[in-house]
Amino acid sequence: MDKAKDTPISRRSLIRGSACSVLALALSGCTQPRTDASAAKPVTGSTFAFDTYCTFGVYGDDAAPARLADACAHFDALFDLYDEKSDIARINAAAGEAVRVHADTIDLLLAAKTYCEQADGLFDVTIGAVSTLWDFTEGVRPAPEAIAGALPHVDWRCIEIDEEALTARLADPQAKLDLGGIAKGYVADRLCDLLRDETSATGAVLSLGGNIALFGEKPNGEPWETGVRDPNDPGGDTVVGTARVQGGSLVTSGLYERVFEQDGVTYWHILDPRTGEPVQTDVASVTVLSPSSTAADALSTTLFVAGSRRGTELADALEDTAAYFILQDGRTVESTRWQELTNFSSQMGR
């Protein structure tokens, strides 16, 4: 989940530019001489889904990018909060009745409940009761009484799932799902499953907005290089450093996109489930590395809401997980395993 201040350039153009720059960095080789195997070029492709540009670079299967784009369309149709035909919109509109949905929707909701429980109030996919009141495109802030009225309906525990019948319901008829903090991570994991099980791909980098998932290996066996964007250059190509990892997923949440100012106050779209307001935090952006993109997505939002001090503690408590915080005052904070897992080279202050 990224955010950017309003500019004359369209939001879609900003997202497309940043996604392409990250993809190029991840696919680039190092400066050492390259062998014939390492000279192999990836096949690239892109599509627009989940309100962002999704870009793919795949080694070993020329047909894979088209299949990835088709899969994105499938998941977008299921999870789009604002498409009345989607599974999520139909659950929200059912006023507490059970709705038969796709098995992928059941799978995502089960994962979402797990991460909500672990987050202890910092992450809640029923934030839709409040988030749908805000309009970050038009710059509309809901009245305080509207937020207060919706806040009691933010409680993930009202999600009820029947795996055998493939049905889901919200026991609170006024609750609403908003899976924006986890859906792209879940999709990235499923795209990696597709590459593993249904293609001959040997390696790939997948960029879904601020979500980067790395599959397999580069032909030359070198680490994947992924840039961490500068939150002070929204939509731009500036990176604050480069992570070098063998695999897994890197997800960034921050003050990049969907920001507006009203009466001298700046509002951003990451809402605190406890208040229904944009979160009050010392963090400008947080990047999470995890073997699972689903986990990295949910955790990046959780750590952003938690703030850097508690956020580092939460990251340190999870195996094979690390986090890098850029604070609003310009300082940076790393969790204990960040350098160990990413071999991160910072460009801050250069």
Protein backbone atom coordinates (compact mmCIF):
# COMPACT_ATOMS: atom_id res chain seq x y z
CA MET A 1 0.00 0.00 0.00
CA ASP A 2 1.65 3.12 -1.26
CA LYS A 3 0.62 6.76 -1.29
CA ALA A 4 1.50 9.86 -3.34
CA LYS A 5 0.59 13.53 -3.08
CA ASP A 6 -1.49 15.05 -5.85
CA THR A 7 0.45 16.06 -8.99
CA PRO A 8 -0.61 16.95 -12.53
CA ILE A 9 0.38 13.41 -13.55
CA SER A 10 -2.31 10.74 -13.23
CA ARG A 11 -2.06 8.25 -10.38
CA ARG A 12 -1.99 5.35 -12.84
CA SER A 13 1.05 6.88 -14.58
CA LEU A 14 2.82 7.26 -11.25
CA ILE A 15 2.18 3.65 -10.30
CA ARG A 16 3.21 2.38 -13.72
CA GLY A 17 6.49 4.29 -13.61
CA SER A 18 7.45 3.08 -10.15
CA ALA A 19 6.48 -0.53 -10.88
CA CYS A 20 8.53 -0.58 -14.08
CA SER A 21 11.57 0.96 -12.40
CA VAL A 22 11.48 -1.65 -9.62
CA LEU A 23 11.09 -4.45 -12.16
CA ALA A 24 14.07 -3.17 -14.16
CA LEU A 25 16.22 -3.03 -11.03
CA ALA A 26 15.23 -6.54 -9.97
CA LEU A 27 16.05 -7.96 -13.40
CA SER A 28 19.31 -6.08 -13.88
CA GLY A 29 22.61 -7.88 -13.72
CA CYS A 30 25.63 -6.87 -11.71
CA THR A 31 28.75 -5.30 -13.18
CA GLN A 32 30.77 -8.53 -13.22
CA PRO A 33 31.39 -10.33 -16.56
CA ARG A 34 28.42 -12.45 -17.51
CA THR A 35 28.42 -16.03 -18.67
CA ASP A 36 26.26 -17.28 -21.54
CA ALA A 37 23.73 -18.63 -19.05
CA SER A 38 23.48 -15.30 -17.24
CA ALA A 39 22.93 -13.44 -20.50
CA ALA A 40 19.46 -14.93 -20.88
CA LYS A 41 16.83 -12.23 -21.16
CA PRO A 42 13.53 -12.42 -19.31
CA VAL A 43 10.24 -12.17 -21.13
CA THR A 44 8.25 -9.25 -19.74
CA GLY A 45 4.57 -8.44 -19.62
CA SER A 46 2.11 -6.25 -17.73
CA THR A 47 -1.55 -5.75 -16.96
CA PHE A 48 -3.70 -3.36 -14.95
CA ALA A 49 -5.43 -4.97 -11.96
CA PHE A 50 -6.07 -4.20 -8.30
CA ASP A 51 -6.00 -0.48 -9.19
CA THR A 52 -2.31 -0.69 -10.09
CA TYR A 53 0.01 -1.76 -12.89
CA CYS A 54 1.24 -5.32 -12.48
CA THR A 55 4.49 -6.13 -14.29
CA PHE A 56 6.21 -9.48 -14.80
CA GLY A 57 9.68 -10.56 -15.87
CA VAL A 58 9.97 -14.31 -16.40
CA TYR A 59 12.92 -16.54 -17.29
CA GLY A 60 12.37 -19.89 -18.99
CA ASP A 61 8.79 -19.64 -20.31
CA ASP A 62 7.80 -17.12 -22.97
CA ALA A 63 4.08 -17.78 -22.49
CA ALA A 64 4.10 -17.25 -18.72
CA PRO A 65 3.49 -13.46 -18.62
CA ALA A 66 0.21 -13.85 -20.52
CA ARG A 67 -0.90 -16.55 -18.10
CA LEU A 68 0.01 -14.33 -15.15
CA ALA A 69 -2.04 -11.49 -16.61
CA ASP A 70 -5.05 -13.81 -17.01
CA ALA A 71 -4.68 -14.93 -13.40
CA CYS A 72 -4.61 -11.31 -12.22
CA ALA A 73 -7.87 -10.66 -14.07
CA HIS A 74 -9.41 -13.68 -12.34
CA PHE A 75 -8.43 -12.53 -8.86
CA ASP A 76 -9.33 -8.89 -9.54
CA ALA A 77 -12.85 -9.97 -10.50
CA LEU A 78 -13.19 -11.84 -7.19
CA PHE A 79 -11.70 -9.29 -4.79
CA ASP A 80 -12.61 -5.84 -6.19
CA LEU A 81 -14.40 -4.01 -3.39
CA TYR A 82 -16.12 -1.63 -5.80
CA ASP A 83 -17.32 -4.16 -8.40
CA GLU A 84 -20.81 -5.21 -7.37
CA LYS A 85 -20.33 -8.59 -9.08
CA SER A 86 -17.20 -9.49 -7.10
CA ASP A 87 -17.30 -11.98 -4.26
CA ILE A 88 -16.23 -9.32 -1.74
CA ALA A 89 -18.87 -6.81 -2.86
CA ARG A 90 -21.57 -9.49 -2.77
CA ILE A 91 -20.62 -10.49 0.79
CA ASN A 92 -20.73 -6.83 1.83
CA ALA A 93 -24.15 -6.34 0.23
CA ALA A 94 -25.68 -9.50 1.70
CA ALA A 95 -26.64 -7.89 5.04
CA GLY A 96 -25.40 -10.84 7.06
CA GLU A 97 -26.62 -13.63 4.78
CA ALA A 98 -24.27 -16.38 3.63
CA VAL A 99 -22.94 -15.97 0.09
CA ARG A 100 -21.52 -18.76 -2.07
CA VAL A 101 -18.10 -17.68 -3.35
CA HIS A 102 -15.08 -19.01 -5.22
CA ALA A 103 -12.67 -21.31 -3.38
CA ASP A 104 -9.94 -18.67 -3.82
CA THR A 105 -12.05 -16.17 -1.90
CA ILE A 106 -12.50 -18.66 0.93
CA ASP A 107 -8.74 -19.24 0.98
CA LEU A 108 -7.99 -15.51 1.16
CA LEU A 109 -10.55 -14.89 3.90
CA LEU A 110 -9.11 -17.71 6.01
CA ALA A 111 -5.64 -16.20 5.64
CA ALA A 112 -6.99 -12.73 6.43
CA LYS A 113 -8.58 -13.92 9.67
CA THR A 114 -5.27 -15.47 10.74
CA TYR A 115 -3.32 -12.25 10.19
CA CYS A 116 -6.02 -10.13 11.83
CA GLU A 117 -5.83 -12.31 14.93
CA GLN A 118 -2.05 -12.06 15.06
CA ALA A 119 -2.12 -8.26 14.61
CA ASP A 120 -4.02 -7.65 17.86
CA GLY A 121 -6.16 -4.79 16.52
CA LEU A 122 -3.53 -3.18 14.26
CA PHE A 123 -4.86 -4.82 11.09
CA ASP A 124 -8.51 -5.61 10.35
CA VAL A 125 -9.99 -6.54 6.96
CA THR A 126 -13.44 -5.35 8.07
CA ILE A 127 -12.10 -1.79 7.97
CA GLY A 128 -14.40 -1.41 4.94
CA ALA A 129 -17.16 -0.10 7.20
CA VAL A 130 -14.97 2.99 7.66
CA SER A 131 -12.73 3.03 4.57
CA THR A 132 -15.70 3.28 2.21
CA LEU A 133 -16.66 6.55 3.92
CA TRP A 134 -13.38 8.15 2.85
CA ASP A 135 -12.72 9.34 -0.69
CA PHE A 136 -9.00 9.88 -1.20
CA THR A 137 -9.42 10.49 -4.92
CA GLU A 138 -11.77 13.45 -4.51
CA GLY A 139 -10.38 14.49 -1.13
CA VAL A 140 -13.48 13.88 0.96
CA ARG A 141 -13.21 13.45 4.72
CA PRO A 142 -16.25 11.86 6.40
CA ALA A 143 -17.92 13.61 9.30
CA PRO A 144 -16.63 12.52 12.74
CA GLU A 145 -20.07 11.22 13.66
CA ALA A 146 -20.11 9.02 10.55
CA ILE A 147 -16.77 7.50 11.54
CA ALA A 148 -17.97 7.00 15.10
CA GLY A 149 -21.09 5.25 13.82
CA ALA A 150 -19.14 2.89 11.57
CA LEU A 151 -16.29 2.06 13.93
CA PRO A 152 -18.22 -0.50 16.07
CA HIS A 153 -18.67 -2.57 12.90
CA VAL A 154 -14.92 -3.00 12.38
CA ASP A 155 -14.29 -6.43 13.88
CA TRP A 156 -12.81 -9.32 11.87
CA ARG A 157 -14.38 -11.81 14.29
CA CYS A 158 -17.72 -11.35 12.52
CA ILE A 159 -16.37 -13.14 9.42
CA GLU A 160 -17.90 -16.62 9.27
CA ILE A 161 -16.70 -19.16 6.71
CA ASP A 162 -18.06 -22.56 5.68
CA GLU A 163 -15.23 -24.21 3.76
CA GLU A 164 -17.29 -27.23 2.72
CA ALA A 165 -20.22 -25.20 1.39
CA LEU A 166 -17.92 -22.47 0.00
CA THR A 167 -19.91 -19.74 1.71
CA ALA A 168 -18.93 -16.67 3.69
CA ARG A 169 -20.97 -14.20 5.70
CA LEU A 170 -20.55 -11.21 7.96
CA ALA A 171 -22.41 -11.89 11.19
CA ASP A 172 -22.65 -8.11 11.65
CA PRO A 173 -24.90 -6.95 8.77
CA GLN A 174 -23.28 -3.49 8.82
CA ALA A 175 -19.72 -4.76 8.60
CA LYS A 176 -17.81 -4.49 5.30
CA LEU A 177 -14.74 -6.24 3.99
CA ASP A 178 -11.84 -4.29 2.49
CA LEU A 179 -8.98 -6.62 1.55
CA GLY A 180 -6.70 -3.89 0.20
CA GLY A 181 -4.07 -4.62 2.86
CA ILE A 182 -3.62 -8.28 1.99
CA ALA A 183 -5.13 -9.18 -1.41
CA LYS A 184 -2.15 -8.25 -3.61
CA GLY A 185 0.18 -10.27 -1.40
CA TYR A 186 -2.14 -13.26 -1.60
CA VAL A 187 -2.35 -12.93 -5.39
CA ALA A 188 1.44 -12.70 -5.68
CA ASP A 189 1.78 -15.99 -3.81
CA ARG A 190 -0.79 -17.63 -6.09
CA LEU A 191 1.06 -16.33 -9.15
CA CYS A 192 4.24 -17.95 -7.86
CA ASP A 193 2.29 -21.20 -7.38
CA LEU A 194 1.13 -20.94 -11.00
CA LEU A 195 4.72 -20.50 -12.21
CA ARG A 196 5.87 -23.46 -10.12
CA ASP A 197 3.06 -25.87 -10.99
CA GLU A 198 1.93 -24.95 -14.50
CA THR A 199 4.88 -23.44 -16.38
CA SER A 200 8.52 -24.16 -17.18
CA ALA A 201 9.65 -20.86 -15.65
CA THR A 202 12.96 -21.03 -13.80
CA GLY A 203 12.86 -17.56 -12.26
CA ALA A 204 10.68 -14.47 -12.18
CA VAL A 205 10.13 -11.12 -10.54
CA LEU A 206 6.52 -10.04 -10.12
CA SER A 207 5.61 -6.46 -9.25
CA LEU A 208 2.07 -5.70 -8.10
CA GLY A 209 2.36 -2.03 -7.21
CA GLY A 210 4.36 -1.91 -3.98
CA ASN A 211 4.41 -5.72 -3.74
CA ILE A 212 7.42 -7.56 -5.16
CA ALA A 213 7.46 -11.37 -5.27
CA LEU A 214 10.54 -13.29 -6.40
CA PHE A 215 10.27 -16.78 -7.85
CA GLY A 216 13.07 -19.25 -8.51
CA GLU A 217 16.52 -18.03 -9.45
CA LYS A 218 18.25 -15.73 -11.90
CA PRO A 219 20.04 -17.65 -14.67
CA ASN A 220 23.39 -16.49 -13.26
CA GLY A 221 22.50 -17.53 -9.71
CA GLU A 222 23.03 -14.04 -8.33
CA PRO A 223 20.65 -12.47 -5.80
CA TRP A 224 17.63 -10.49 -6.92
CA GLU A 225 18.20 -6.76 -6.45
CA THR A 226 15.17 -4.74 -5.40
CA GLY A 227 15.08 -1.02 -4.71
CA VAL A 228 13.30 0.55 -1.75
CA ARG A 229 11.53 3.70 -2.90
CA ASP A 230 12.02 7.10 -1.35
CA PRO A 231 8.74 8.20 0.34
CA ASN A 232 9.80 11.82 -0.25
CA ASP A 233 9.77 11.24 -4.02
CA PRO A 234 6.22 9.93 -4.53
CA GLY A 235 5.77 8.20 -7.85
CA GLY A 236 9.36 8.86 -8.82
CA ASP A 237 12.29 6.58 -9.57
CA THR A 238 14.40 7.56 -6.55
CA VAL A 239 15.38 4.67 -4.30
CA VAL A 240 16.93 4.94 -0.85
CA GLY A 241 18.77 1.67 -1.14
CA THR A 242 18.89 -1.80 -2.66
CA ALA A 243 18.03 -5.13 -1.08
CA ARG A 244 19.77 -8.26 -2.40
CA VAL A 245 17.79 -11.38 -1.64
CA GLN A 246 17.62 -14.97 -2.90
CA GLY A 247 13.83 -15.06 -2.91
CA GLY A 248 10.70 -14.29 -0.97
CA SER A 249 8.66 -11.10 -1.14
CA LEU A 250 9.29 -7.43 -0.39
CA VAL A 251 6.24 -5.27 0.30
CA THR A 252 6.21 -1.56 1.08
CA SER A 253 3.48 0.42 2.81
CA GLY A 254 3.88 4.16 3.05
CA LEU A 255 2.89 7.72 2.33
CA TYR A 256 3.09 7.47 -1.46
CA GLU A 257 -0.40 7.48 -2.95
CA ARG A 258 -3.95 8.58 -2.15
CA VAL A 259 -3.17 11.57 0.01
CA PHE A 260 -5.13 14.81 0.24
CA GLU A 261 -4.98 18.00 2.28
CA GLN A 262 -7.97 19.75 3.80
CA ASP A 263 -7.99 22.77 6.10
CA GLY A 264 -4.24 22.47 6.58
CA VAL A 265 -4.40 18.79 7.59
CA THR A 266 -2.92 16.00 5.45
CA TYR A 267 -4.84 12.72 5.31
CA TRP A 268 -3.46 9.43 3.98
CA HIS A 269 -5.31 6.24 3.20
CA ILE A 270 -3.82 3.83 5.74
CA LEU A 271 -6.48 3.89 8.43
CA ASP A 272 -6.12 2.82 12.03
CA PRO A 273 -8.78 0.15 12.71
CA ARG A 274 -8.99 1.40 16.29
CA THR A 275 -9.93 4.99 15.37
CA GLY A 276 -11.16 4.95 11.78
CA GLU A 277 -8.79 7.85 11.09
CA PRO A 278 -5.50 7.95 9.14
CA VAL A 279 -2.98 6.32 11.42
CA GLN A 280 -0.82 8.50 13.65
CA THR A 281 2.66 7.07 13.25
CA ASP A 282 6.32 8.05 13.16
CA VAL A 283 6.73 6.01 9.97
CA ALA A 284 6.84 7.38 6.41
CA SER A 285 7.29 3.92 4.89
CA VAL A 286 8.03 0.38 5.96
CA THR A 287 9.35 -2.40 3.75
CA VAL A 288 8.90 -5.99 4.88
CA LEU A 289 10.76 -9.07 3.67
CA SER A 290 9.04 -12.41 4.20
CA PRO A 291 9.00 -15.81 2.48
CA SER A 292 5.25 -15.24 1.98
CA SER A 293 3.93 -12.24 0.06
CA THR A 294 0.60 -12.61 1.87
CA ALA A 295 2.39 -12.27 5.19
CA ALA A 296 4.57 -9.41 3.96
CA ASP A 297 1.51 -7.50 2.71
CA ALA A 298 -0.50 -7.84 5.91
CA LEU A 299 2.56 -7.23 8.07
CA SER A 300 3.63 -4.07 6.22
CA THR A 301 0.28 -2.48 7.06
CA THR A 302 0.42 -3.78 10.63
CA LEU A 303 3.93 -2.40 11.22
CA PHE A 304 3.02 0.95 9.67
CA VAL A 305 0.16 1.29 12.15
CA ALA A 306 2.28 -0.01 15.03
CA GLY A 307 5.07 2.54 14.51
CA SER A 308 8.78 1.84 14.34
CA ARG A 309 9.43 0.86 17.96
CA ARG A 310 6.69 -1.74 18.31
CA GLY A 311 7.00 -2.62 14.64
CA THR A 312 10.62 -3.76 14.97
CA GLU A 313 9.62 -5.95 17.92
CA LEU A 314 6.83 -7.54 15.90
CA ALA A 315 9.16 -8.21 12.95
CA ASP A 316 11.85 -9.68 15.20
CA ALA A 317 9.33 -12.12 16.66
CA LEU A 318 8.77 -13.74 13.24
CA GLU A 319 11.18 -16.21 11.67
CA ASP A 320 12.80 -15.31 8.31
CA THR A 321 11.18 -11.86 8.47
CA ALA A 322 12.75 -8.41 8.48
CA ALA A 323 11.62 -4.80 8.19
CA TYR A 324 13.12 -1.45 7.18
CA PHE A 325 11.48 1.76 8.40
CA ILE A 326 11.94 5.24 6.97
CA LEU A 327 10.67 7.68 9.57
CA GLN A 328 8.90 10.96 8.96
CA ASP A 329 11.86 12.85 10.41
CA GLY A 330 14.20 11.26 7.84
CA ARG A 331 15.85 8.72 10.12
CA THR A 332 15.81 4.98 9.39
CA VAL A 333 15.25 1.99 11.65
CA GLU A 334 16.02 -1.65 10.85
CA SER A 335 14.75 -4.80 12.49
CA THR A 336 17.41 -7.14 13.84
CA ARG A 337 17.61 -9.44 10.78
CA TRP A 338 17.24 -6.81 8.01
CA GLN A 339 20.91 -6.67 7.03
CA GLU A 340 21.38 -10.40 7.47
CA LEU A 341 18.50 -11.26 5.13
CA THR A 342 18.80 -8.46 2.56
CA ASN A 343 22.48 -7.39 2.40
CA PHE A 344 20.97 -3.92 2.09
CA SER A 345 23.06 -1.07 0.70
CA SER A 346 21.67 2.31 1.66
CA GLN A 347 21.85 5.43 -0.45
CA MET A 348 20.39 7.67 2.24
CA GLY A 349 22.33 10.90 2.62
CA ARG A 350 24.21 10.52 -0.69
